[in-house]
Amino acid sequence: MLLEAYQYNEQNGIRHEPNLQKLKDGSVLLFTKAITNPDGLCLNYHGEPDKDVDEETLRKISPSNPEDNAQDGLSGMWSIAIPQREVVKRL
């Protein structure tokens, strides 16, 4: 569900903010952050065919990665679950 929220933000030009939630009655902290592609470099591989990805590159990568759909500025999401006791130990 969080990835869908980041996708919505990306599609609607809303700035991505990292997210921190308490899970399991607060005993686990979940940190999430969108993985974005602001400079367009990754679009050389993940971009739209014939727009961002040149024909030669497309021929080479399509057979090895036919279901790649990372064609916008959002590449995914970092998701890190940390037991709260570990955080407290380090304070």
PDB file of N, CA and C in Angstrom:
ATOM      1  N   MET A   1       0.809  -1.183   0.000  1.00  0.00           N
ATOM      2  CA  MET A   1       0.000   0.000   0.000  1.00  0.00           C
ATOM      3  C   MET A   1       0.869   1.269   0.000  1.00  0.00           C
ATOM      4  N   LEU A   2       1.997   1.255   0.698  1.00  0.00           N
ATOM      5  CA  LEU A   2       2.863   2.432   0.708  1.00  0.00           C
ATOM      6  C   LEU A   2       3.466   2.693  -0.667  1.00  0.00           C
ATOM      7  N   LEU A   3       3.835   1.631  -1.370  1.00  0.00           N
ATOM      8  CA  LEU A   3       4.373   1.813  -2.711  1.00  0.00           C
ATOM      9  C   LEU A   3       3.326   2.470  -3.610  1.00  0.00           C
ATOM     10  N   GLU A   4       2.074   2.090  -3.451  1.00  0.00           N
ATOM     11  CA  GLU A   4       0.999   2.711  -4.230  1.00  0.00           C
ATOM     12  C   GLU A   4       0.881   4.201  -3.910  1.00  0.00           C
ATOM     13  N   ALA A   5       1.088   4.567  -2.663  1.00  0.00           N
ATOM     14  CA  ALA A   5       1.052   5.986  -2.283  1.00  0.00           C
ATOM     15  C   ALA A   5       2.199   6.740  -2.950  1.00  0.00           C
ATOM     16  N   TYR A   6       3.389   6.135  -2.969  1.00  0.00           N
ATOM     17  CA  TYR A   6       4.519   6.776  -3.646  1.00  0.00           C
ATOM     18  C   TYR A   6       4.248   6.886  -5.151  1.00  0.00           C
ATOM     19  N   GLN A   7       3.618   5.862  -5.735  1.00  0.00           N
ATOM     20  CA  GLN A   7       3.274   5.911  -7.157  1.00  0.00           C
ATOM     21  C   GLN A   7       2.274   7.036  -7.429  1.00  0.00           C
ATOM     22  N   TYR A   8       1.283   7.174  -6.559  1.00  0.00           N
ATOM     23  CA  TYR A   8       0.302   8.249  -6.697  1.00  0.00           C
ATOM     24  C   TYR A   8       1.002   9.606  -6.646  1.00  0.00           C
ATOM     25  N   ASN A   9       1.892   9.778  -5.675  1.00  0.00           N
ATOM     26  CA  ASN A   9       2.637  11.035  -5.560  1.00  0.00           C
ATOM     27  C   ASN A   9       3.417  11.325  -6.835  1.00  0.00           C
ATOM     28  N   GLU A  10       4.083  10.313  -7.359  1.00  0.00           N
ATOM     29  CA  GLU A  10       4.891  10.493  -8.564  1.00  0.00           C
ATOM     30  C   GLU A  10       4.021  10.912  -9.747  1.00  0.00           C
ATOM     31  N   GLN A  11       2.888  10.255  -9.909  1.00  0.00           N
ATOM     32  CA  GLN A  11       1.998  10.547 -11.034  1.00  0.00           C
ATOM     33  C   GLN A  11       1.348  11.923 -10.925  1.00  0.00           C
ATOM     34  N   ASN A  12       1.228  12.442  -9.709  1.00  0.00           N
ATOM     35  CA  ASN A  12       0.547  13.715  -9.488  1.00  0.00           C
ATOM     36  C   ASN A  12       1.484  14.854  -9.101  1.00  0.00           C
ATOM     37  N   GLY A  13       2.776  14.630  -9.255  1.00  0.00           N
ATOM     38  CA  GLY A  13       3.747  15.686  -8.995  1.00  0.00           C
ATOM     39  C   GLY A  13       3.853  16.090  -7.536  1.00  0.00           C
ATOM     40  N   ILE A  14       3.535  15.182  -6.632  1.00  0.00           N
ATOM     41  CA  ILE A  14       3.618  15.452  -5.196  1.00  0.00           C
ATOM     42  C   ILE A  14       4.976  14.990  -4.687  1.00  0.00           C
ATOM     43  N   ARG A  15       5.591  15.815  -3.873  1.00  0.00           N
ATOM     44  CA  ARG A  15       6.923  15.503  -3.351  1.00  0.00           C
ATOM     45  C   ARG A  15       6.871  14.265  -2.450  1.00  0.00           C
ATOM     46  N   HIS A  16       7.831  13.384  -2.619  1.00  0.00           N
ATOM     47  CA  HIS A  16       7.925  12.178  -1.792  1.00  0.00           C
ATOM     48  C   HIS A  16       8.547  12.527  -0.448  1.00  0.00           C
ATOM     49  N   GLU A  17       7.962  12.039   0.615  1.00  0.00           N
ATOM     50  CA  GLU A  17       8.508  12.209   1.958  1.00  0.00           C
ATOM     51  C   GLU A  17       8.777  10.823   2.539  1.00  0.00           C
ATOM     52  N   PRO A  18       9.905  10.650   3.231  1.00  0.00           N
ATOM     53  CA  PRO A  18      10.122   9.375   3.914  1.00  0.00           C
ATOM     54  C   PRO A  18       9.009   9.144   4.932  1.00  0.00           C
ATOM     55  N   ASN A  19       8.785   7.888   5.257  1.00  0.00           N
ATOM     56  CA  ASN A  19       7.698   7.522   6.145  1.00  0.00           C
ATOM     57  C   ASN A  19       8.244   6.659   7.283  1.00  0.00           C
ATOM     58  N   LEU A  20       7.805   6.918   8.503  1.00  0.00           N
ATOM     59  CA  LEU A  20       8.189   6.109   9.653  1.00  0.00           C
ATOM     60  C   LEU A  20       6.916   5.710  10.377  1.00  0.00           C
ATOM     61  N   GLN A  21       6.748   4.415  10.586  1.00  0.00           N
ATOM     62  CA  GLN A  21       5.555   3.897  11.260  1.00  0.00           C
ATOM     63  C   GLN A  21       5.959   2.956  12.376  1.00  0.00           C
ATOM     64  N   LYS A  22       5.090   2.859  13.366  1.00  0.00           N
ATOM     65  CA  LYS A  22       5.270   1.865  14.420  1.00  0.00           C
ATOM     66  C   LYS A  22       4.396   0.662  14.073  1.00  0.00           C
ATOM     67  N   LEU A  23       4.994  -0.521  14.135  1.00  0.00           N
ATOM     68  CA  LEU A  23       4.284  -1.769  13.873  1.00  0.00           C
ATOM     69  C   LEU A  23       4.338  -2.642  15.126  1.00  0.00           C
ATOM     70  N   LYS A  24       3.497  -3.624  15.169  1.00  0.00           N
ATOM     71  CA  LYS A  24       3.486  -4.601  16.270  1.00  0.00           C
ATOM     72  C   LYS A  24       3.479  -3.898  17.625  1.00  0.00           C
ATOM     73  N   ASP A  25       2.474  -3.084  17.847  1.00  0.00           N
ATOM     74  CA  ASP A  25       2.317  -2.339  19.114  1.00  0.00           C
ATOM     75  C   ASP A  25       3.520  -1.458  19.436  1.00  0.00           C
ATOM     76  N   GLY A  26       4.209  -0.990  18.414  1.00  0.00           N
ATOM     77  CA  GLY A  26       5.336  -0.089  18.610  1.00  0.00           C
ATOM     78  C   GLY A  26       6.662  -0.778  18.822  1.00  0.00           C
ATOM     79  N   SER A  27       6.687  -2.094  18.800  1.00  0.00           N
ATOM     80  CA  SER A  27       7.947  -2.801  19.046  1.00  0.00           C
ATOM     81  C   SER A  27       8.853  -2.848  17.816  1.00  0.00           C
ATOM     82  N   VAL A  28       8.295  -2.504  16.642  1.00  0.00           N
ATOM     83  CA  VAL A  28       9.070  -2.475  15.396  1.00  0.00           C
ATOM     84  C   VAL A  28       8.810  -1.146  14.704  1.00  0.00           C
ATOM     85  N   LEU A  29       9.869  -0.519  14.247  1.00  0.00           N
ATOM     86  CA  LEU A  29       9.754   0.709  13.465  1.00  0.00           C
ATOM     87  C   LEU A  29       9.967   0.352  11.994  1.00  0.00           C
ATOM     88  N   LEU A  30       9.091   0.871  11.135  1.00  0.00           N
ATOM     89  CA  LEU A  30       9.210   0.631   9.700  1.00  0.00           C
ATOM     90  C   LEU A  30       9.506   1.953   9.013  1.00  0.00           C
ATOM     91  N   PHE A  31      10.662   2.029   8.377  1.00  0.00           N
ATOM     92  CA  PHE A  31      11.072   3.215   7.626  1.00  0.00           C
ATOM     93  C   PHE A  31      10.919   2.903   6.145  1.00  0.00           C
ATOM     94  N   THR A  32      10.243   3.785   5.405  1.00  0.00           N
ATOM     95  CA  THR A  32      10.146   3.633   3.955  1.00  0.00           C
ATOM     96  C   THR A  32      10.532   4.938   3.281  1.00  0.00           C
ATOM     97  N   LYS A  33      11.075   4.817   2.100  1.00  0.00           N
ATOM     98  CA  LYS A  33      11.478   5.988   1.310  1.00  0.00           C
ATOM     99  C   LYS A  33      11.404   5.614  -0.155  1.00  0.00           C
ATOM    100  N   ALA A  34      10.836   6.492  -0.949  1.00  0.00           N
ATOM    101  CA  ALA A  34      10.751   6.254  -2.391  1.00  0.00           C
ATOM    102  C   ALA A  34      12.150   6.257  -2.997  1.00  0.00           C
ATOM    103  N   ILE A  35      12.350   5.392  -3.963  1.00  0.00           N
ATOM    104  CA  ILE A  35      13.581   5.397  -4.754  1.00  0.00           C
ATOM    105  C   ILE A  35      13.204   6.087  -6.061  1.00  0.00           C
ATOM    106  N   THR A  36      13.753   7.261  -6.269  1.00  0.00           N
ATOM    107  CA  THR A  36      13.378   8.040  -7.453  1.00  0.00           C
ATOM    108  C   THR A  36      14.545   8.169  -8.416  1.00  0.00           C
ATOM    109  N   ASN A  37      14.220   8.647  -9.572  1.00  0.00           N
ATOM    110  CA  ASN A  37      15.179   8.804 -10.649  1.00  0.00           C
ATOM    111  C   ASN A  37      15.096  10.235 -11.170  1.00  0.00           C
ATOM    112  N   PRO A  38      15.529  11.213 -10.371  1.00  0.00           N
ATOM    113  CA  PRO A  38      15.332  12.607 -10.775  1.00  0.00           C
ATOM    114  C   PRO A  38      16.177  13.070 -11.945  1.00  0.00           C
ATOM    115  N   ASP A  39      17.332  12.467 -12.161  1.00  0.00           N
ATOM    116  CA  ASP A  39      18.204  12.966 -13.220  1.00  0.00           C
ATOM    117  C   ASP A  39      18.016  12.243 -14.552  1.00  0.00           C
ATOM    118  N   GLY A  40      17.194  11.210 -14.573  1.00  0.00           N
ATOM    119  CA  GLY A  40      16.892  10.532 -15.829  1.00  0.00           C
ATOM    120  C   GLY A  40      17.909   9.502 -16.283  1.00  0.00           C
ATOM    121  N   LEU A  41      19.017   9.353 -15.566  1.00  0.00           N
ATOM    122  CA  LEU A  41      20.060   8.424 -16.004  1.00  0.00           C
ATOM    123  C   LEU A  41      19.521   7.002 -16.146  1.00  0.00           C
ATOM    124  N   CYS A  42      18.724   6.551 -15.187  1.00  0.00           N
ATOM    125  CA  CYS A  42      18.207   5.175 -15.233  1.00  0.00           C
ATOM    126  C   CYS A  42      17.214   4.980 -16.372  1.00  0.00           C
ATOM    127  N   LEU A  43      16.682   6.072 -16.902  1.00  0.00           N
ATOM    128  CA  LEU A  43      15.726   5.942 -17.997  1.00  0.00           C
ATOM    129  C   LEU A  43      16.389   5.421 -19.270  1.00  0.00           C
ATOM    130  N   ASN A  44      17.723   5.490 -19.335  1.00  0.00           N
ATOM    131  CA  ASN A  44      18.424   4.905 -20.485  1.00  0.00           C
ATOM    132  C   ASN A  44      18.146   3.412 -20.595  1.00  0.00           C
ATOM    133  N   TYR A  45      17.796   2.792 -19.481  1.00  0.00           N
ATOM    134  CA  TYR A  45      17.476   1.367 -19.451  1.00  0.00           C
ATOM    135  C   TYR A  45      15.990   1.150 -19.186  1.00  0.00           C
ATOM    136  N   HIS A  46      15.429   1.908 -18.248  1.00  0.00           N
ATOM    137  CA  HIS A  46      14.054   1.694 -17.803  1.00  0.00           C
ATOM    138  C   HIS A  46      13.040   2.612 -18.477  1.00  0.00           C
ATOM    139  N   GLY A  47      13.470   3.453 -19.368  1.00  0.00           N
ATOM    140  CA  GLY A  47      12.575   4.447 -19.955  1.00  0.00           C
ATOM    141  C   GLY A  47      11.654   3.908 -21.022  1.00  0.00           C
ATOM    142  N   GLU A  48      10.952   4.833 -21.639  1.00  0.00           N
ATOM    143  CA  GLU A  48      10.012   4.465 -22.699  1.00  0.00           C
ATOM    144  C   GLU A  48      10.783   4.135 -23.978  1.00  0.00           C
ATOM    145  N   PRO A  49      10.421   3.011 -24.610  1.00  0.00           N
ATOM    146  CA  PRO A  49      11.079   2.641 -25.875  1.00  0.00           C
ATOM    147  C   PRO A  49      10.944   3.752 -26.912  1.00  0.00           C
ATOM    148  N   ASP A  50      12.000   3.958 -27.664  1.00  0.00           N
ATOM    149  CA  ASP A  50      12.071   4.955 -28.740  1.00  0.00           C
ATOM    150  C   ASP A  50      11.994   6.399 -28.247  1.00  0.00           C
ATOM    151  N   LYS A  51      11.900   6.591 -26.946  1.00  0.00           N
ATOM    152  CA  LYS A  51      11.943   7.947 -26.395  1.00  0.00           C
ATOM    153  C   LYS A  51      13.187   8.094 -25.525  1.00  0.00           C
ATOM    154  N   ASP A  52      13.286   7.256 -24.501  1.00  0.00           N
ATOM    155  CA  ASP A  52      14.427   7.302 -23.587  1.00  0.00           C
ATOM    156  C   ASP A  52      15.448   6.217 -23.897  1.00  0.00           C
ATOM    157  N   VAL A  53      14.947   5.059 -24.331  1.00  0.00           N
ATOM    158  CA  VAL A  53      15.811   3.902 -24.592  1.00  0.00           C
ATOM    159  C   VAL A  53      16.020   3.782 -26.091  1.00  0.00           C
ATOM    160  N   ASP A  54      17.292   3.832 -26.508  1.00  0.00           N
ATOM    161  CA  ASP A  54      17.534   3.726 -27.945  1.00  0.00           C
ATOM    162  C   ASP A  54      17.301   2.292 -28.422  1.00  0.00           C
ATOM    163  N   GLU A  55      17.133   2.150 -29.710  1.00  0.00           N
ATOM    164  CA  GLU A  55      16.740   0.866 -30.311  1.00  0.00           C
ATOM    165  C   GLU A  55      17.745  -0.241 -30.028  1.00  0.00           C
ATOM    166  N   GLU A  56      19.026   0.076 -30.102  1.00  0.00           N
ATOM    167  CA  GLU A  56      20.055  -0.945 -29.866  1.00  0.00           C
ATOM    168  C   GLU A  56      20.003  -1.452 -28.429  1.00  0.00           C
ATOM    169  N   THR A  57      19.866  -0.547 -27.471  1.00  0.00           N
ATOM    170  CA  THR A  57      19.775  -0.944 -26.065  1.00  0.00           C
ATOM    171  C   THR A  57      18.522  -1.773 -25.835  1.00  0.00           C
ATOM    172  N   LEU A  58      17.420  -1.361 -26.416  1.00  0.00           N
ATOM    173  CA  LEU A  58      16.157  -2.074 -26.260  1.00  0.00           C
ATOM    174  C   LEU A  58      16.260  -3.512 -26.775  1.00  0.00           C
ATOM    175  N   ARG A  59      16.924  -3.692 -27.901  1.00  0.00           N
ATOM    176  CA  ARG A  59      17.108  -5.046 -28.451  1.00  0.00           C
ATOM    177  C   ARG A  59      17.887  -5.934 -27.489  1.00  0.00           C
ATOM    178  N   LYS A  60      18.858  -5.349 -26.806  1.00  0.00           N
ATOM    179  CA  LYS A  60      19.701  -6.135 -25.900  1.00  0.00           C
ATOM    180  C   LYS A  60      19.001  -6.468 -24.583  1.00  0.00           C
ATOM    181  N   ILE A  61      18.193  -5.550 -24.074  1.00  0.00           N
ATOM    182  CA  ILE A  61      17.621  -5.770 -22.739  1.00  0.00           C
ATOM    183  C   ILE A  61      16.242  -6.408 -22.740  1.00  0.00           C
ATOM    184  N   SER A  62      15.471  -6.236 -23.770  1.00  0.00           N
ATOM    185  CA  SER A  62      14.100  -6.752 -23.773  1.00  0.00           C
ATOM    186  C   SER A  62      14.015  -8.259 -23.535  1.00  0.00           C
ATOM    187  N   PRO A  63      14.817  -9.076 -24.204  1.00  0.00           N
ATOM    188  CA  PRO A  63      14.710 -10.517 -23.962  1.00  0.00           C
ATOM    189  C   PRO A  63      15.076 -10.915 -22.528  1.00  0.00           C
ATOM    190  N   SER A  64      15.995 -10.182 -21.896  1.00  0.00           N
ATOM    191  CA  SER A  64      16.434 -10.551 -20.551  1.00  0.00           C
ATOM    192  C   SER A  64      15.549  -9.977 -19.453  1.00  0.00           C
ATOM    193  N   ASN A  65      14.734  -8.998 -19.781  1.00  0.00           N
ATOM    194  CA  ASN A  65      13.928  -8.343 -18.759  1.00  0.00           C
ATOM    195  C   ASN A  65      12.581  -7.918 -19.339  1.00  0.00           C
ATOM    196  N   PRO A  66      11.756  -8.854 -19.809  1.00  0.00           N
ATOM    197  CA  PRO A  66      10.535  -8.503 -20.537  1.00  0.00           C
ATOM    198  C   PRO A  66       9.451  -7.837 -19.684  1.00  0.00           C
ATOM    199  N   GLU A  67       9.483  -8.022 -18.369  1.00  0.00           N
ATOM    200  CA  GLU A  67       8.425  -7.469 -17.530  1.00  0.00           C
ATOM    201  C   GLU A  67       8.841  -6.186 -16.827  1.00  0.00           C
ATOM    202  N   ASP A  68       9.944  -5.593 -17.219  1.00  0.00           N
ATOM    203  CA  ASP A  68      10.407  -4.358 -16.592  1.00  0.00           C
ATOM    204  C   ASP A  68       9.408  -3.247 -16.875  1.00  0.00           C
ATOM    205  N   ASN A  69       8.861  -2.669 -15.809  1.00  0.00           N
ATOM    206  CA  ASN A  69       7.899  -1.582 -15.997  1.00  0.00           C
ATOM    207  C   ASN A  69       8.309  -0.324 -15.242  1.00  0.00           C
ATOM    208  N   ALA A  70       9.576  -0.206 -14.922  1.00  0.00           N
ATOM    209  CA  ALA A  70      10.053   0.981 -14.214  1.00  0.00           C
ATOM    210  C   ALA A  70      10.299   2.088 -15.223  1.00  0.00           C
ATOM    211  N   GLN A  71       9.233   2.634 -15.777  1.00  0.00           N
ATOM    212  CA  GLN A  71       9.379   3.606 -16.845  1.00  0.00           C
ATOM    213  C   GLN A  71       9.039   5.026 -16.434  1.00  0.00           C
ATOM    214  N   ASP A  72       8.904   5.294 -15.153  1.00  0.00           N
ATOM    215  CA  ASP A  72       8.684   6.670 -14.730  1.00  0.00           C
ATOM    216  C   ASP A  72       9.777   7.050 -13.741  1.00  0.00           C
ATOM    217  N   GLY A  73       9.585   8.118 -13.014  1.00  0.00           N
ATOM    218  CA  GLY A  73      10.602   8.592 -12.091  1.00  0.00           C
ATOM    219  C   GLY A  73      10.693   7.788 -10.811  1.00  0.00           C
ATOM    220  N   LEU A  74       9.739   6.923 -10.549  1.00  0.00           N
ATOM    221  CA  LEU A  74       9.749   6.108  -9.339  1.00  0.00           C
ATOM    222  C   LEU A  74      10.289   4.734  -9.686  1.00  0.00           C
ATOM    223  N   SER A  75      11.380   4.352  -9.017  1.00  0.00           N
ATOM    224  CA  SER A  75      11.990   3.061  -9.300  1.00  0.00           C
ATOM    225  C   SER A  75      11.580   1.989  -8.304  1.00  0.00           C
ATOM    226  N   GLY A  76      11.076   2.398  -7.153  1.00  0.00           N
ATOM    227  CA  GLY A  76      10.708   1.434  -6.121  1.00  0.00           C
ATOM    228  C   GLY A  76      10.653   2.111  -4.775  1.00  0.00           C
ATOM    229  N   MET A  77      10.875   1.320  -3.722  1.00  0.00           N
ATOM    230  CA  MET A  77      10.757   1.849  -2.367  1.00  0.00           C
ATOM    231  C   MET A  77      11.701   1.085  -1.447  1.00  0.00           C
ATOM    232  N   TRP A  78      12.445   1.825  -0.634  1.00  0.00           N
ATOM    233  CA  TRP A  78      13.217   1.212   0.433  1.00  0.00           C
ATOM    234  C   TRP A  78      12.258   0.919   1.567  1.00  0.00           C
ATOM    235  N   SER A  79      12.394  -0.223   2.190  1.00  0.00           N
ATOM    236  CA  SER A  79      11.564  -0.596   3.324  1.00  0.00           C
ATOM    237  C   SER A  79      12.458  -1.295   4.341  1.00  0.00           C
ATOM    238  N   ILE A  80      12.627  -0.666   5.510  1.00  0.00           N
ATOM    239  CA  ILE A  80      13.526  -1.199   6.526  1.00  0.00           C
ATOM    240  C   ILE A  80      12.759  -1.323   7.835  1.00  0.00           C
ATOM    241  N   ALA A  81      12.658  -2.538   8.347  1.00  0.00           N
ATOM    242  CA  ALA A  81      12.005  -2.777   9.634  1.00  0.00           C
ATOM    243  C   ALA A  81      13.094  -2.935  10.696  1.00  0.00           C
ATOM    244  N   ILE A  82      12.979  -2.157  11.763  1.00  0.00           N
ATOM    245  CA  ILE A  82      13.993  -2.159  12.811  1.00  0.00           C
ATOM    246  C   ILE A  82      13.302  -2.392  14.157  1.00  0.00           C
ATOM    247  N   PRO A  83      13.723  -3.400  14.907  1.00  0.00           N
ATOM    248  CA  PRO A  83      13.153  -3.561  16.239  1.00  0.00           C
ATOM    249  C   PRO A  83      13.454  -2.311  17.082  1.00  0.00           C
ATOM    250  N   GLN A  84      12.444  -1.783  17.728  1.00  0.00           N
ATOM    251  CA  GLN A  84      12.618  -0.549  18.485  1.00  0.00           C
ATOM    252  C   GLN A  84      13.678  -0.697  19.576  1.00  0.00           C
ATOM    253  N   ARG A  85      13.795  -1.869  20.164  1.00  0.00           N
ATOM    254  CA  ARG A  85      14.796  -2.066  21.229  1.00  0.00           C
ATOM    255  C   ARG A  85      16.211  -1.826  20.703  1.00  0.00           C
ATOM    256  N   GLU A  86      16.450  -2.124  19.408  1.00  0.00           N
ATOM    257  CA  GLU A  86      17.770  -1.892  18.827  1.00  0.00           C
ATOM    258  C   GLU A  86      18.057  -0.397  18.688  1.00  0.00           C
ATOM    259  N   VAL A  87      17.029   0.353  18.387  1.00  0.00           N
ATOM    260  CA  VAL A  87      17.178   1.810  18.285  1.00  0.00           C
ATOM    261  C   VAL A  87      17.490   2.385  19.648  1.00  0.00           C
ATOM    262  N   VAL A  88      16.755   1.950  20.654  1.00  0.00           N
ATOM    263  CA  VAL A  88      16.931   2.454  22.024  1.00  0.00           C
ATOM    264  C   VAL A  88      18.327   2.117  22.535  1.00  0.00           C
ATOM    265  N   LYS A  89      18.839   0.920  22.215  1.00  0.00           N
ATOM    266  CA  LYS A  89      20.173   0.523  22.647  1.00  0.00           C
ATOM    267  C   LYS A  89      21.241   1.501  22.175  1.00  0.00           C
ATOM    268  N   ARG A  90      21.027   2.079  21.012  1.00  0.00           N
ATOM    269  CA  ARG A  90      22.050   2.929  20.404  1.00  0.00           C
ATOM    270  C   ARG A  90      21.906   4.400  20.762  1.00  0.00           C
ATOM    271  N   LEU A  91      20.909   4.735  21.571  1.00  0.00           N
ATOM    272  CA  LEU A  91      20.725   6.143  21.981  1.00  0.00           C
ATOM    273  C   LEU A  91      21.630   6.507  23.130  1.00  0.00           C
TER     274      LEU A  91
END
